[in-house]
Structure formats: C-alpha cells, structure tokens
Amino acid sequence: MRGMRYVQRARRTLGPGRALTILEYHSIDPVPHRFAITPDTFERQLDLIQSRYEIVRLRDVPALLRAGDAKRRVVLTFDDAYVDFARHALPRLAERSIPATVFVPTAFIGGVNAWDQHIDGVPLRHIMTGQELRAIQATGLVDLGSHTIDHVRMSRIEEGEMRRQAQGSRATLEHLLQVPVRSFAYPYGMLDDRSPTAERVLAEAGYDVAVISHWGTVNSAANLLSLRRIALTERDDDETITAKIEGAYDWIAIKERVATVLRSARRLTGGLR
C-alpha cells in the first residue's frame, strides 16, 4: 500500500503521460563497476524484459506516445558508445532481435571516456571507432544518436555553444553513417542538465526525441525532448526489475528534484562551481 502511494505521488510530480519505460545503460563488461553490468546479468535482464514487454525503438516513441494506448513498452538506450557494446551487448541483442539506440559523444570517437577520469571507481573505457559505429548501424538493430560533441552539460554553456554541440555532433554522425540522426541524449542528464533553451536548440537542430537521466516511467508526447529514463543494476533481481519498469520506484524522481533544488541553492551562494 505504501509503495502504491509512492508511485501515485511520483506520477503527480512527473505530470500526465503514458506508460513508457526507457532503460539507460552505459557499459556491459565482465568486470562490473558504477556504470557497468556484466554480460550474464545483461542477458538475464533481456530475457526477463522480452518475456513480459514489447521492446520498441526510441525513434518510434513519438508516434507511440501520440497514439495514446495504455500498453507499457520498453526502450533500450546506451550512452557513450563504448566498444564493449559491440563486444558484449550487440551479440545478445541480435540473438533476440532486440533494437537499441546508442548515443555518441562525437569528439571522442575512437578515444576514451576522458570526462570520467576524475571519478573514483570508473575506469577509462574505449569508445567505438567510426568503422565500428558504421558496423553496428549496418545490423539494422541499432540506431545512433548524439551525445553532444564534447560530453558537456548543456545547461552550463551559452546558447551559441549549445547550438554547436547539437548541430555539430549531428552533422558528424550523419556524414559518418549517411543516414538521418534525430535522437539526442543529454550528457549527465539530470533534471538541471536540461533547460527550455536547450530543448528549443535541439528542436531547431532537427532532433525529434531526446532523453535525460531523470527517473521516471511515465512519458508524454508533450515532452519528447526531455523523456525520462531509469537504470537497472547488477544486483537487481527479477522482482526489482519488474517493479522498476512498472513504476514502483518512480518516487526516486522526488529525491532527484530535491537534489536539484539543493544544487541550485549551492550555486547561487557560490558553493558549487
């Protein structure tokens, strides 16, 4: 009963929308860490999710949300375009014909996740080369989207730089892949990493859909450039995975909103740079 109250409260906070759970992954690696789960765990999660839900492409979400039926669907997304996606995730997705979207920080193609170098417990990971990105796109299961050029917080830069990050990353990917690129993931992606200005810039740059990391399993056609996602962990059992997908953990969004207010207050008083 208390869990249902949490869900109802979270959904009032998130606003109206449709049941749509977008999963956020980063790394699939035999050695798990803060942003990685093992291939065996990933495989177990895929089997459970596929047995209970329809898994759809992110690019189809705008039409599905506008259609308005109540069926819950699941979308798989992967941030940062690590090499281990091709090695460990793609074969398992291909075995099950499950689609996914991979977001690429284009300045780091063929490099490493230098933006994480100061975070304890997060190793440097290799990012796919242009050839590897073309190869995964050619499977027909994987769509590629932008993660900016430089993996920067969109809310912390001037509008002109927002435009460069949004337009430049899309142009690089479209030149590389020779297909339209219409999806975007905000780096870091917390609630205060997006803004109305950023959403306008993305729309003007030609993006149809964008995702953030603010927790939620209710999404709306009115918020296509700030769709919420959730994360699964190495330790989640089947019951927890199902509960997360169904919205029983949507109360996490309230905690995130409180954290956002606190960060804003600290920035105003000079306590956070």
C-alpha atoms as a PDB file:
ATOM      1  CA  MET A   1       0.000   0.000   0.000  1.00  0.00           C
ATOM      2  CA  ARG A   2       2.792   2.422   0.898  1.00  0.00           C
ATOM      3  CA  GLY A   3       4.560   1.565  -2.367  1.00  0.00           C
ATOM      4  CA  MET A   4       1.449   2.488  -4.358  1.00  0.00           C
ATOM      5  CA  ARG A   5       1.251   5.823  -2.543  1.00  0.00           C
ATOM      6  CA  TYR A   6       4.850   6.491  -3.600  1.00  0.00           C
ATOM      7  CA  VAL A   7       4.000   5.678  -7.220  1.00  0.00           C
ATOM      8  CA  GLN A   8       0.934   7.929  -7.205  1.00  0.00           C
ATOM      9  CA  ARG A   9       2.872  10.776  -5.604  1.00  0.00           C
ATOM     10  CA  ALA A  10       5.717  10.439  -8.099  1.00  0.00           C
ATOM     11  CA  ARG A  11       3.332  10.422 -11.035  1.00  0.00           C
ATOM     12  CA  ARG A  12       1.635  13.581  -9.777  1.00  0.00           C
ATOM     13  CA  THR A  13       5.096  15.151  -9.621  1.00  0.00           C
ATOM     14  CA  LEU A  14       6.031  13.951 -13.113  1.00  0.00           C
ATOM     15  CA  GLY A  15       2.764  15.058 -14.648  1.00  0.00           C
ATOM     16  CA  PRO A  16       0.426  13.326 -17.111  1.00  0.00           C
ATOM     17  CA  GLY A  17       1.740  10.895 -19.665  1.00  0.00           C
ATOM     18  CA  ARG A  18       1.815   7.345 -20.985  1.00  0.00           C
ATOM     19  CA  ALA A  19       3.391   4.197 -19.626  1.00  0.00           C
ATOM     20  CA  LEU A  20       6.782   4.061 -21.328  1.00  0.00           C
ATOM     21  CA  THR A  21       9.962   2.830 -19.676  1.00  0.00           C
ATOM     22  CA  ILE A  22      13.251   3.860 -21.277  1.00  0.00           C
ATOM     23  CA  LEU A  23      16.228   1.945 -19.888  1.00  0.00           C
ATOM     24  CA  GLU A  24      19.593   3.689 -19.615  1.00  0.00           C
ATOM     25  CA  TYR A  25      22.716   1.566 -19.918  1.00  0.00           C
ATOM     26  CA  HIS A  26      26.354   2.564 -20.260  1.00  0.00           C
ATOM     27  CA  SER A  27      28.852  -0.279 -20.188  1.00  0.00           C
ATOM     28  CA  ILE A  28      28.410  -4.053 -20.480  1.00  0.00           C
ATOM     29  CA  ASP A  29      31.616  -5.541 -19.128  1.00  0.00           C
ATOM     30  CA  PRO A  30      32.789  -8.743 -17.382  1.00  0.00           C
ATOM     31  CA  VAL A  31      34.079  -6.539 -14.531  1.00  0.00           C
ATOM     32  CA  PRO A  32      31.124  -4.539 -13.198  1.00  0.00           C
ATOM     33  CA  HIS A  33      31.533  -1.036 -11.813  1.00  0.00           C
ATOM     34  CA  ARG A  34      29.389   2.001 -11.132  1.00  0.00           C
ATOM     35  CA  PHE A  35      28.336   2.332 -14.769  1.00  0.00           C
ATOM     36  CA  ALA A  36      28.690  -1.272 -15.920  1.00  0.00           C
ATOM     37  CA  ILE A  37      26.878  -4.571 -15.563  1.00  0.00           C
ATOM     38  CA  THR A  38      28.188  -7.975 -16.605  1.00  0.00           C
ATOM     39  CA  PRO A  39      27.177  -9.687 -19.854  1.00  0.00           C
ATOM     40  CA  ASP A  40      25.479 -12.504 -17.925  1.00  0.00           C
ATOM     41  CA  THR A  41      23.389 -10.023 -15.942  1.00  0.00           C
ATOM     42  CA  PHE A  42      22.517  -8.117 -19.103  1.00  0.00           C
ATOM     43  CA  GLU A  43      21.418 -11.339 -20.765  1.00  0.00           C
ATOM     44  CA  ARG A  44      19.211 -12.237 -17.817  1.00  0.00           C
ATOM     45  CA  GLN A  45      17.636  -8.780 -17.885  1.00  0.00           C
ATOM     46  CA  LEU A  46      16.966  -9.024 -21.619  1.00  0.00           C
ATOM     47  CA  ASP A  47      15.249 -12.391 -21.266  1.00  0.00           C
ATOM     48  CA  LEU A  48      13.026 -11.160 -18.459  1.00  0.00           C
ATOM     49  CA  ILE A  49      12.100  -7.915 -20.206  1.00  0.00           C
ATOM     50  CA  GLN A  50      11.411  -9.559 -23.542  1.00  0.00           C
ATOM     51  CA  SER A  51       9.198 -12.180 -21.906  1.00  0.00           C
ATOM     52  CA  ARG A  52       6.958  -9.506 -20.352  1.00  0.00           C
ATOM     53  CA  TYR A  53       7.063  -6.398 -22.537  1.00  0.00           C
ATOM     54  CA  GLU A  54       7.171  -5.189 -26.100  1.00  0.00           C
ATOM     55  CA  ILE A  55      10.594  -3.643 -26.753  1.00  0.00           C
ATOM     56  CA  VAL A  56      10.448  -0.781 -29.265  1.00  0.00           C
ATOM     57  CA  ARG A  57      12.846   1.622 -30.933  1.00  0.00           C
ATOM     58  CA  LEU A  58      13.367   5.075 -29.494  1.00  0.00           C
ATOM     59  CA  ARG A  59      12.698   6.579 -32.913  1.00  0.00           C
ATOM     60  CA  ASP A  60       9.169   5.120 -32.802  1.00  0.00           C
ATOM     61  CA  VAL A  61       8.347   6.669 -29.427  1.00  0.00           C
ATOM     62  CA  PRO A  62       6.869   9.974 -30.710  1.00  0.00           C
ATOM     63  CA  ALA A  63       4.237   8.135 -32.758  1.00  0.00           C
ATOM     64  CA  LEU A  64       3.514   5.670 -29.950  1.00  0.00           C
ATOM     65  CA  LEU A  65       3.031   8.416 -27.368  1.00  0.00           C
ATOM     66  CA  ARG A  66       0.746  10.343 -29.678  1.00  0.00           C
ATOM     67  CA  ALA A  67      -1.288   7.205 -30.414  1.00  0.00           C
ATOM     68  CA  GLY A  68      -2.224   7.055 -26.765  1.00  0.00           C
ATOM     69  CA  ASP A  69      -2.884   3.423 -25.895  1.00  0.00           C
ATOM     70  CA  ALA A  70      -2.196   2.292 -22.335  1.00  0.00           C
ATOM     71  CA  LYS A  71       0.167  -0.595 -23.126  1.00  0.00           C
ATOM     72  CA  ARG A  72       3.537  -0.356 -21.384  1.00  0.00           C
ATOM     73  CA  ARG A  73       6.511  -0.613 -23.700  1.00  0.00           C
ATOM     74  CA  VAL A  74      10.261  -0.651 -23.065  1.00  0.00           C
ATOM     75  CA  VAL A  75      13.093   1.087 -24.925  1.00  0.00           C
ATOM     76  CA  LEU A  76      16.814   0.258 -24.573  1.00  0.00           C
ATOM     77  CA  THR A  77      19.393   3.050 -24.760  1.00  0.00           C
ATOM     78  CA  PHE A  78      23.173   3.057 -24.280  1.00  0.00           C
ATOM     79  CA  ASP A  79      25.166   6.197 -23.537  1.00  0.00           C
ATOM     80  CA  ASP A  80      28.775   6.870 -24.632  1.00  0.00           C
ATOM     81  CA  ALA A  81      29.191   4.258 -27.433  1.00  0.00           C
ATOM     82  CA  TYR A  82      31.707   2.081 -25.631  1.00  0.00           C
ATOM     83  CA  VAL A  83      33.482  -0.691 -27.520  1.00  0.00           C
ATOM     84  CA  ASP A  84      32.026  -3.204 -25.079  1.00  0.00           C
ATOM     85  CA  PHE A  85      28.585  -2.537 -26.589  1.00  0.00           C
ATOM     86  CA  ALA A  86      29.756  -4.191 -29.813  1.00  0.00           C
ATOM     87  CA  ARG A  87      31.570  -6.965 -27.956  1.00  0.00           C
ATOM     88  CA  HIS A  88      29.087  -7.879 -25.247  1.00  0.00           C
ATOM     89  CA  ALA A  89      25.710  -6.196 -25.789  1.00  0.00           C
ATOM     90  CA  LEU A  90      25.123  -6.387 -29.530  1.00  0.00           C
ATOM     91  CA  PRO A  91      25.523 -10.179 -29.864  1.00  0.00           C
ATOM     92  CA  ARG A  92      22.914 -10.706 -27.145  1.00  0.00           C
ATOM     93  CA  LEU A  93      20.579  -8.149 -28.667  1.00  0.00           C
ATOM     94  CA  ALA A  94      20.998  -9.758 -32.092  1.00  0.00           C
ATOM     95  CA  GLU A  95      20.209 -13.241 -30.762  1.00  0.00           C
ATOM     96  CA  ARG A  96      16.856 -11.876 -29.573  1.00  0.00           C
ATOM     97  CA  SER A  97      16.236  -9.345 -32.376  1.00  0.00           C
ATOM     98  CA  ILE A  98      16.030  -6.543 -29.796  1.00  0.00           C
ATOM     99  CA  PRO A  99      16.596  -2.978 -31.053  1.00  0.00           C
ATOM    100  CA  ALA A 100      18.583  -0.333 -29.191  1.00  0.00           C
ATOM    101  CA  THR A 101      19.837   3.233 -29.521  1.00  0.00           C
ATOM    102  CA  VAL A 102      23.471   4.176 -28.834  1.00  0.00           C
ATOM    103  CA  PHE A 103      24.439   7.787 -28.098  1.00  0.00           C
ATOM    104  CA  VAL A 104      27.831   9.018 -29.301  1.00  0.00           C
ATOM    105  CA  PRO A 105      29.960  11.927 -27.984  1.00  0.00           C
ATOM    106  CA  THR A 106      31.480  12.634 -31.365  1.00  0.00           C
ATOM    107  CA  ALA A 107      34.770  14.273 -30.303  1.00  0.00           C
ATOM    108  CA  PHE A 108      35.691  11.021 -28.558  1.00  0.00           C
ATOM    109  CA  ILE A 109      35.042   8.602 -31.429  1.00  0.00           C
ATOM    110  CA  GLY A 110      37.934   6.134 -31.314  1.00  0.00           C
ATOM    111  CA  GLY A 111      39.092   7.569 -27.973  1.00  0.00           C
ATOM    112  CA  VAL A 112      38.233   7.058 -24.300  1.00  0.00           C
ATOM    113  CA  ASN A 113      35.817   8.496 -21.735  1.00  0.00           C
ATOM    114  CA  ALA A 114      38.130  11.294 -20.618  1.00  0.00           C
ATOM    115  CA  TRP A 115      35.240  13.110 -18.890  1.00  0.00           C
ATOM    116  CA  ASP A 116      35.199  10.337 -16.239  1.00  0.00           C
ATOM    117  CA  GLN A 117      38.902  10.436 -15.415  1.00  0.00           C
ATOM    118  CA  HIS A 118      38.385  12.150 -12.050  1.00  0.00           C
ATOM    119  CA  ILE A 119      35.611   9.833 -10.822  1.00  0.00           C
ATOM    120  CA  ASP A 120      36.819   7.166  -8.408  1.00  0.00           C
ATOM    121  CA  GLY A 121      35.976   3.611  -9.399  1.00  0.00           C
ATOM    122  CA  VAL A 122      35.179   4.390 -13.043  1.00  0.00           C
ATOM    123  CA  PRO A 123      37.852   3.045 -15.407  1.00  0.00           C
ATOM    124  CA  LEU A 124      38.747   4.540 -18.743  1.00  0.00           C
ATOM    125  CA  ARG A 125      36.758   2.794 -21.455  1.00  0.00           C
ATOM    126  CA  HIS A 126      37.413   2.718 -25.186  1.00  0.00           C
ATOM    127  CA  ILE A 127      34.793   4.310 -27.436  1.00  0.00           C
ATOM    128  CA  MET A 128      33.981   2.818 -30.800  1.00  0.00           C
ATOM    129  CA  THR A 129      35.757   3.978 -33.928  1.00  0.00           C
ATOM    130  CA  GLY A 130      33.901   5.312 -36.936  1.00  0.00           C
ATOM    131  CA  GLN A 131      34.242   1.938 -38.634  1.00  0.00           C
ATOM    132  CA  GLU A 132      32.765   0.169 -35.603  1.00  0.00           C
ATOM    133  CA  LEU A 133      29.883   2.632 -35.440  1.00  0.00           C
ATOM    134  CA  ARG A 134      29.095   2.037 -39.091  1.00  0.00           C
ATOM    135  CA  ALA A 135      29.210  -1.723 -38.498  1.00  0.00           C
ATOM    136  CA  ILE A 136      26.705  -1.706 -35.630  1.00  0.00           C
ATOM    137  CA  GLN A 137      24.401   0.643 -37.529  1.00  0.00           C
ATOM    138  CA  ALA A 138      24.526  -1.699 -40.524  1.00  0.00           C
ATOM    139  CA  THR A 139      22.977  -4.534 -38.478  1.00  0.00           C
ATOM    140  CA  GLY A 140      19.623  -2.765 -38.682  1.00  0.00           C
ATOM    141  CA  LEU A 141      19.050  -3.232 -34.955  1.00  0.00           C
ATOM    142  CA  VAL A 142      20.990  -0.218 -33.725  1.00  0.00           C
ATOM    143  CA  ASP A 143      20.162   3.455 -34.181  1.00  0.00           C
ATOM    144  CA  LEU A 144      22.818   6.032 -33.352  1.00  0.00           C
ATOM    145  CA  GLY A 145      22.125   9.358 -31.712  1.00  0.00           C
ATOM    146  CA  SER A 146      24.058  12.375 -30.486  1.00  0.00           C
ATOM    147  CA  HIS A 147      25.572  12.772 -27.027  1.00  0.00           C
ATOM    148  CA  THR A 148      26.951  16.243 -27.932  1.00  0.00           C
ATOM    149  CA  ILE A 149      30.436  16.769 -29.325  1.00  0.00           C
ATOM    150  CA  ASP A 150      32.336  17.087 -26.058  1.00  0.00           C
ATOM    151  CA  HIS A 151      30.116  15.321 -23.488  1.00  0.00           C
ATOM    152  CA  VAL A 152      29.214  18.638 -21.835  1.00  0.00           C
ATOM    153  CA  ARG A 153      26.351  19.697 -19.595  1.00  0.00           C
ATOM    154  CA  MET A 154      24.004  21.558 -21.909  1.00  0.00           C
ATOM    155  CA  SER A 155      22.692  23.758 -19.095  1.00  0.00           C
ATOM    156  CA  ARG A 156      26.159  25.092 -18.258  1.00  0.00           C
ATOM    157  CA  ILE A 157      27.018  26.551 -21.656  1.00  0.00           C
ATOM    158  CA  GLU A 158      25.889  29.581 -23.649  1.00  0.00           C
ATOM    159  CA  GLU A 159      23.207  29.198 -26.303  1.00  0.00           C
ATOM    160  CA  GLY A 160      25.694  29.566 -29.136  1.00  0.00           C
ATOM    161  CA  GLU A 161      27.769  26.701 -27.760  1.00  0.00           C
ATOM    162  CA  MET A 162      24.608  24.640 -27.269  1.00  0.00           C
ATOM    163  CA  ARG A 163      23.945  25.063 -30.972  1.00  0.00           C
ATOM    164  CA  ARG A 164      27.458  24.000 -31.868  1.00  0.00           C
ATOM    165  CA  GLN A 165      27.230  20.904 -29.673  1.00  0.00           C
ATOM    166  CA  ALA A 166      23.807  19.920 -31.030  1.00  0.00           C
ATOM    167  CA  GLN A 167      24.344  20.725 -34.690  1.00  0.00           C
ATOM    168  CA  GLY A 168      27.975  19.668 -34.929  1.00  0.00           C
ATOM    169  CA  SER A 169      27.512  16.260 -33.370  1.00  0.00           C
ATOM    170  CA  ARG A 170      24.534  15.522 -35.584  1.00  0.00           C
ATOM    171  CA  ALA A 171      26.417  16.625 -38.710  1.00  0.00           C
ATOM    172  CA  THR A 172      29.394  14.419 -37.818  1.00  0.00           C
ATOM    173  CA  LEU A 173      27.220  11.354 -37.326  1.00  0.00           C
ATOM    174  CA  GLU A 174      25.180  11.929 -40.456  1.00  0.00           C
ATOM    175  CA  HIS A 175      28.351  12.306 -42.516  1.00  0.00           C
ATOM    176  CA  LEU A 176      29.784   9.145 -40.974  1.00  0.00           C
ATOM    177  CA  LEU A 177      26.656   7.000 -41.251  1.00  0.00           C
ATOM    178  CA  GLN A 178      24.899   8.519 -44.281  1.00  0.00           C
ATOM    179  CA  VAL A 179      21.532   8.315 -42.501  1.00  0.00           C
ATOM    180  CA  PRO A 180      19.432  10.930 -40.675  1.00  0.00           C
ATOM    181  CA  VAL A 181      20.225  11.338 -36.966  1.00  0.00           C
ATOM    182  CA  ARG A 182      17.223  12.545 -34.980  1.00  0.00           C
ATOM    183  CA  SER A 183      17.822  11.411 -31.367  1.00  0.00           C
ATOM    184  CA  PHE A 184      19.844  13.007 -28.569  1.00  0.00           C
ATOM    185  CA  ALA A 185      20.857  12.130 -25.008  1.00  0.00           C
ATOM    186  CA  TYR A 186      21.839  14.870 -22.578  1.00  0.00           C
ATOM    187  CA  PRO A 187      25.277  14.140 -21.055  1.00  0.00           C
ATOM    188  CA  TYR A 188      24.885  13.535 -17.318  1.00  0.00           C
ATOM    189  CA  GLY A 189      21.206  14.133 -17.954  1.00  0.00           C
ATOM    190  CA  MET A 190      19.964  15.128 -14.535  1.00  0.00           C
ATOM    191  CA  LEU A 191      16.985  17.436 -14.226  1.00  0.00           C
ATOM    192  CA  ASP A 192      19.117  20.586 -14.138  1.00  0.00           C
ATOM    193  CA  ASP A 193      21.248  19.454 -17.096  1.00  0.00           C
ATOM    194  CA  ARG A 194      18.416  20.331 -19.488  1.00  0.00           C
ATOM    195  CA  SER A 195      16.542  23.604 -19.922  1.00  0.00           C
ATOM    196  CA  PRO A 196      13.810  25.132 -22.089  1.00  0.00           C
ATOM    197  CA  THR A 197      16.569  26.839 -24.071  1.00  0.00           C
ATOM    198  CA  ALA A 198      18.339  23.531 -24.667  1.00  0.00           C
ATOM    199  CA  GLU A 199      15.093  21.915 -25.795  1.00  0.00           C
ATOM    200  CA  ARG A 200      14.480  24.748 -28.234  1.00  0.00           C
ATOM    201  CA  VAL A 201      18.027  24.431 -29.584  1.00  0.00           C
ATOM    202  CA  LEU A 202      17.565  20.683 -30.075  1.00  0.00           C
ATOM    203  CA  ALA A 203      14.274  21.207 -31.900  1.00  0.00           C
ATOM    204  CA  GLU A 204      15.826  23.817 -34.168  1.00  0.00           C
ATOM    205  CA  ALA A 205      18.780  21.479 -34.822  1.00  0.00           C
ATOM    206  CA  GLY A 206      16.371  18.855 -36.146  1.00  0.00           C
ATOM    207  CA  TYR A 207      16.072  16.368 -33.289  1.00  0.00           C
ATOM    208  CA  ASP A 208      12.759  14.564 -32.849  1.00  0.00           C
ATOM    209  CA  VAL A 209      13.439  12.934 -29.485  1.00  0.00           C
ATOM    210  CA  ALA A 210      15.836  13.433 -26.569  1.00  0.00           C
ATOM    211  CA  VAL A 211      16.353  11.580 -23.301  1.00  0.00           C
ATOM    212  CA  ILE A 212      17.523  12.616 -19.866  1.00  0.00           C
ATOM    213  CA  SER A 213      18.502  10.592 -16.814  1.00  0.00           C
ATOM    214  CA  HIS A 214      15.817  11.989 -14.524  1.00  0.00           C
ATOM    215  CA  TRP A 215      13.974   8.933 -13.214  1.00  0.00           C
ATOM    216  CA  GLY A 216      10.529   8.086 -14.495  1.00  0.00           C
ATOM    217  CA  THR A 217       8.397   5.517 -16.322  1.00  0.00           C
ATOM    218  CA  VAL A 218       5.701   7.960 -17.441  1.00  0.00           C
ATOM    219  CA  ASN A 219       6.440   9.958 -20.581  1.00  0.00           C
ATOM    220  CA  SER A 220       4.455  12.337 -22.734  1.00  0.00           C
ATOM    221  CA  ALA A 221       4.252  13.461 -26.348  1.00  0.00           C
ATOM    222  CA  ALA A 222       4.488  16.981 -24.903  1.00  0.00           C
ATOM    223  CA  ASN A 223       7.975  16.236 -23.583  1.00  0.00           C
ATOM    224  CA  LEU A 224       9.639  14.470 -26.497  1.00  0.00           C
ATOM    225  CA  LEU A 225      12.868  16.416 -25.967  1.00  0.00           C
ATOM    226  CA  SER A 226      13.153  15.506 -22.283  1.00  0.00           C
ATOM    227  CA  LEU A 227      11.983  11.892 -21.969  1.00  0.00           C
ATOM    228  CA  ARG A 228      12.771  10.265 -18.632  1.00  0.00           C
ATOM    229  CA  ARG A 229      14.759   7.062 -18.176  1.00  0.00           C
ATOM    230  CA  ILE A 230      15.505   4.538 -15.449  1.00  0.00           C
ATOM    231  CA  ALA A 231      18.535   2.361 -14.690  1.00  0.00           C
ATOM    232  CA  LEU A 232      18.942  -1.289 -13.733  1.00  0.00           C
ATOM    233  CA  THR A 233      21.861  -2.543 -11.659  1.00  0.00           C
ATOM    234  CA  GLU A 234      23.986  -5.657 -11.366  1.00  0.00           C
ATOM    235  CA  ARG A 235      22.190  -6.612  -8.145  1.00  0.00           C
ATOM    236  CA  ASP A 236      18.567  -6.207  -9.286  1.00  0.00           C
ATOM    237  CA  ASP A 237      16.597  -9.436  -9.116  1.00  0.00           C
ATOM    238  CA  ASP A 238      13.638 -10.200 -11.382  1.00  0.00           C
ATOM    239  CA  GLU A 239      11.120  -8.761  -8.933  1.00  0.00           C
ATOM    240  CA  THR A 240      13.032  -5.499  -8.611  1.00  0.00           C
ATOM    241  CA  ILE A 241      13.478  -5.185 -12.375  1.00  0.00           C
ATOM    242  CA  THR A 242       9.755  -5.614 -12.937  1.00  0.00           C
ATOM    243  CA  ALA A 243       8.920  -3.162 -10.147  1.00  0.00           C
ATOM    244  CA  LYS A 244      11.246  -0.547 -11.614  1.00  0.00           C
ATOM    245  CA  ILE A 245       9.817  -0.940 -15.110  1.00  0.00           C
ATOM    246  CA  GLU A 246       6.231  -0.757 -13.807  1.00  0.00           C
ATOM    247  CA  GLY A 247       6.873   2.475 -11.900  1.00  0.00           C
ATOM    248  CA  ALA A 248       7.110   1.303  -8.293  1.00  0.00           C
ATOM    249  CA  TYR A 249      10.401   3.193  -7.936  1.00  0.00           C
ATOM    250  CA  ASP A 250       9.202   6.429  -9.512  1.00  0.00           C
ATOM    251  CA  TRP A 251       9.438   8.060  -6.095  1.00  0.00           C
ATOM    252  CA  ILE A 252      13.170   8.379  -6.901  1.00  0.00           C
ATOM    253  CA  ALA A 253      12.180  11.338  -9.088  1.00  0.00           C
ATOM    254  CA  ILE A 254      11.129  13.231  -5.964  1.00  0.00           C
ATOM    255  CA  LYS A 255      14.570  12.713  -4.410  1.00  0.00           C
ATOM    256  CA  GLU A 256      16.177  13.902  -7.629  1.00  0.00           C
ATOM    257  CA  ARG A 257      14.042  17.048  -7.641  1.00  0.00           C
ATOM    258  CA  VAL A 258      15.108  17.813  -4.077  1.00  0.00           C
ATOM    259  CA  ALA A 259      18.757  17.287  -5.041  1.00  0.00           C
ATOM    260  CA  THR A 260      18.278  19.659  -7.981  1.00  0.00           C
ATOM    261  CA  VAL A 261      16.908  22.381  -5.701  1.00  0.00           C
ATOM    262  CA  LEU A 262      19.851  21.934  -3.316  1.00  0.00           C
ATOM    263  CA  ARG A 263      22.405  22.124  -6.134  1.00  0.00           C
ATOM    264  CA  SER A 264      20.767  25.294  -7.440  1.00  0.00           C
ATOM    265  CA  ALA A 265      20.846  26.869  -3.981  1.00  0.00           C
ATOM    266  CA  ARG A 266      24.526  25.993  -3.570  1.00  0.00           C
ATOM    267  CA  ARG A 267      25.394  27.507  -6.957  1.00  0.00           C
ATOM    268  CA  LEU A 268      23.570  30.719  -6.043  1.00  0.00           C
ATOM    269  CA  THR A 269      25.590  31.009  -2.830  1.00  0.00           C
ATOM    270  CA  GLY A 270      28.865  30.195  -4.563  1.00  0.00           C
ATOM    271  CA  GLY A 271      29.239  26.762  -3.009  1.00  0.00           C
ATOM    272  CA  LEU A 272      29.237  24.771  -6.244  1.00  0.00           C
ATOM    273  CA  ARG A 273      31.287  25.568  -9.305  1.00  0.00           C
END
